N, C-alpha and C. Protein backbone atom coordinates (compact mmCIF):
# COMPACT_ATOMS: atom_id res chain seq x y z
N UNK A 1 -13.18 -16.68 12.08
CA UNK A 1 -12.10 -15.97 12.70
C UNK A 1 -12.31 -15.91 14.25
N UNK A 2 -11.24 -16.14 14.98
CA UNK A 2 -11.32 -16.07 16.41
C UNK A 2 -11.47 -14.60 16.90
N UNK A 3 -12.04 -14.44 18.07
CA UNK A 3 -12.24 -13.08 18.59
C UNK A 3 -10.95 -12.28 18.75
N UNK A 4 -9.87 -12.91 19.18
CA UNK A 4 -8.63 -12.24 19.33
C UNK A 4 -8.10 -11.68 18.00
N UNK A 5 -8.15 -12.53 16.96
CA UNK A 5 -7.66 -12.15 15.67
C UNK A 5 -8.50 -11.00 15.06
N UNK A 6 -9.81 -11.12 15.25
CA UNK A 6 -10.70 -10.02 14.73
C UNK A 6 -10.50 -8.75 15.52
N UNK A 7 -10.29 -8.84 16.84
CA UNK A 7 -10.01 -7.59 17.66
C UNK A 7 -8.72 -6.94 17.12
N UNK A 8 -7.66 -7.76 16.84
CA UNK A 8 -6.41 -7.16 16.39
C UNK A 8 -6.66 -6.46 15.06
N UNK A 9 -7.38 -7.10 14.14
CA UNK A 9 -7.60 -6.52 12.86
C UNK A 9 -8.33 -5.16 12.98
N UNK A 10 -9.40 -5.15 13.84
CA UNK A 10 -10.16 -3.92 14.06
C UNK A 10 -9.28 -2.84 14.68
N UNK A 11 -8.44 -3.22 15.64
CA UNK A 11 -7.56 -2.25 16.28
C UNK A 11 -6.64 -1.64 15.20
N UNK A 12 -6.11 -2.51 14.34
CA UNK A 12 -5.20 -2.02 13.32
C UNK A 12 -5.90 -1.09 12.33
N UNK A 13 -7.25 -1.19 12.17
CA UNK A 13 -8.03 -0.35 11.35
C UNK A 13 -8.45 0.97 12.09
N UNK A 14 -8.06 1.06 13.37
CA UNK A 14 -8.37 2.28 14.13
C UNK A 14 -9.68 2.19 14.85
N UNK A 15 -10.30 1.10 14.92
CA UNK A 15 -11.57 0.91 15.66
C UNK A 15 -11.33 0.92 17.13
N UNK A 16 -12.19 1.62 17.91
CA UNK A 16 -11.95 1.63 19.37
C UNK A 16 -12.93 0.79 20.09
N UNK A 17 -12.68 0.54 21.34
CA UNK A 17 -13.59 -0.29 22.15
C UNK A 17 -14.97 0.38 22.23
N UNK A 18 -14.98 1.73 22.34
CA UNK A 18 -16.30 2.44 22.32
C UNK A 18 -17.09 2.12 21.05
N UNK A 19 -16.44 2.02 19.95
CA UNK A 19 -17.13 1.74 18.68
C UNK A 19 -17.64 0.30 18.67
N UNK A 20 -16.91 -0.59 19.38
CA UNK A 20 -17.43 -1.99 19.49
C UNK A 20 -18.66 -2.00 20.35
N UNK A 21 -18.64 -1.28 21.46
CA UNK A 21 -19.74 -1.15 22.34
C UNK A 21 -20.95 -0.53 21.71
N UNK A 22 -20.73 0.45 20.85
CA UNK A 22 -21.88 1.11 20.13
C UNK A 22 -22.49 0.12 19.12
N UNK A 23 -21.65 -0.67 18.46
CA UNK A 23 -22.18 -1.64 17.55
C UNK A 23 -23.03 -2.72 18.29
N UNK A 24 -22.54 -3.13 19.41
CA UNK A 24 -23.31 -4.11 20.23
C UNK A 24 -24.61 -3.55 20.65
N UNK A 25 -24.62 -2.34 21.14
CA UNK A 25 -25.87 -1.65 21.54
C UNK A 25 -26.83 -1.48 20.38
N UNK A 26 -26.31 -1.04 19.25
CA UNK A 26 -27.12 -0.89 18.05
C UNK A 26 -27.76 -2.18 17.68
N UNK A 27 -26.97 -3.30 17.59
CA UNK A 27 -27.53 -4.56 17.20
C UNK A 27 -28.58 -5.04 18.15
N UNK A 28 -28.34 -4.85 19.45
CA UNK A 28 -29.32 -5.30 20.41
C UNK A 28 -30.63 -4.54 20.34
N UNK A 29 -30.50 -3.21 20.14
CA UNK A 29 -31.72 -2.34 20.06
C UNK A 29 -32.52 -2.51 18.81
N UNK A 30 -31.83 -2.74 17.69
CA UNK A 30 -32.52 -2.73 16.43
C UNK A 30 -32.67 -4.20 15.85
N UNK A 31 -31.96 -5.14 16.43
CA UNK A 31 -31.97 -6.54 15.92
C UNK A 31 -31.53 -6.56 14.54
N UNK A 32 -30.46 -5.74 14.22
CA UNK A 32 -29.92 -5.59 12.90
C UNK A 32 -29.23 -6.89 12.41
N UNK A 33 -29.36 -7.12 11.12
CA UNK A 33 -28.59 -8.28 10.56
C UNK A 33 -27.13 -7.95 10.36
N UNK A 34 -26.33 -8.97 10.17
CA UNK A 34 -24.86 -8.75 10.01
C UNK A 34 -24.52 -7.92 8.79
N UNK A 35 -25.48 -7.88 7.80
CA UNK A 35 -25.19 -7.05 6.61
C UNK A 35 -25.80 -5.66 6.77
N UNK A 36 -26.18 -5.26 7.95
CA UNK A 36 -26.70 -3.92 8.24
C UNK A 36 -26.10 -3.34 9.50
N UNK A 37 -24.70 -3.26 9.53
CA UNK A 37 -24.04 -2.77 10.72
C UNK A 37 -24.16 -1.25 10.81
N UNK A 38 -24.02 -0.74 12.01
CA UNK A 38 -23.93 0.71 12.21
C UNK A 38 -22.61 1.20 11.65
N UNK A 39 -21.55 0.40 11.89
CA UNK A 39 -20.18 0.73 11.46
C UNK A 39 -19.76 -0.29 10.43
N UNK A 40 -19.38 0.18 9.25
CA UNK A 40 -18.99 -0.71 8.17
C UNK A 40 -17.89 -1.67 8.54
N UNK A 41 -17.09 -1.37 9.51
CA UNK A 41 -16.00 -2.29 9.93
C UNK A 41 -16.53 -3.67 10.47
N UNK A 42 -17.81 -3.68 10.87
CA UNK A 42 -18.35 -4.86 11.38
C UNK A 42 -19.25 -5.61 10.40
N UNK A 43 -19.14 -5.29 9.12
CA UNK A 43 -19.92 -5.94 8.07
C UNK A 43 -19.76 -7.42 8.09
N UNK A 44 -20.90 -8.12 8.03
CA UNK A 44 -20.95 -9.58 7.98
C UNK A 44 -20.47 -10.29 9.28
N UNK A 45 -20.37 -9.53 10.38
CA UNK A 45 -20.11 -10.15 11.65
C UNK A 45 -21.41 -10.32 12.41
N UNK A 46 -21.60 -11.48 13.02
CA UNK A 46 -22.82 -11.66 13.87
C UNK A 46 -22.64 -10.92 15.17
N UNK A 47 -23.74 -10.77 15.91
CA UNK A 47 -23.70 -10.12 17.18
C UNK A 47 -22.76 -10.94 18.10
N UNK A 48 -22.85 -12.25 18.03
CA UNK A 48 -21.98 -13.08 18.89
C UNK A 48 -20.52 -12.89 18.60
N UNK A 49 -20.18 -12.67 17.34
CA UNK A 49 -18.83 -12.39 16.95
C UNK A 49 -18.36 -11.07 17.47
N UNK A 50 -19.22 -10.07 17.45
CA UNK A 50 -18.88 -8.75 17.98
C UNK A 50 -18.71 -8.85 19.51
N UNK A 51 -19.56 -9.58 20.17
CA UNK A 51 -19.44 -9.76 21.60
C UNK A 51 -18.14 -10.44 21.97
N UNK A 52 -17.73 -11.44 21.15
CA UNK A 52 -16.47 -12.12 21.42
C UNK A 52 -15.34 -11.19 21.18
N UNK A 53 -15.42 -10.30 20.20
CA UNK A 53 -14.30 -9.33 20.01
C UNK A 53 -14.14 -8.46 21.29
N UNK A 54 -15.29 -8.06 21.84
CA UNK A 54 -15.22 -7.21 23.05
C UNK A 54 -14.58 -8.01 24.15
N UNK A 55 -14.87 -9.23 24.31
CA UNK A 55 -14.24 -10.04 25.37
C UNK A 55 -12.76 -10.15 25.14
N UNK A 56 -12.33 -10.25 23.91
CA UNK A 56 -10.90 -10.48 23.62
C UNK A 56 -10.09 -9.18 23.42
N UNK A 57 -10.73 -8.05 23.56
CA UNK A 57 -10.12 -6.76 23.20
C UNK A 57 -8.75 -6.53 23.91
N UNK A 58 -8.70 -6.77 25.18
CA UNK A 58 -7.52 -6.52 25.96
C UNK A 58 -6.54 -7.70 26.11
N UNK A 59 -6.86 -8.80 25.47
CA UNK A 59 -5.97 -9.99 25.61
C UNK A 59 -4.76 -9.83 24.76
């Protein structure tokens, strides 16, 4: 899934950019796997996918 599409889906679920940033920080600090997200909305997304979502958030 492309970053823009994923960002739209997360926005529709009520996820905020702050929650995206929290997930990125959590993954970087803990080196968590995609099946161990801080927020369940990011289940099975890699860190790179979450970073791409952040880049595409306002597009």
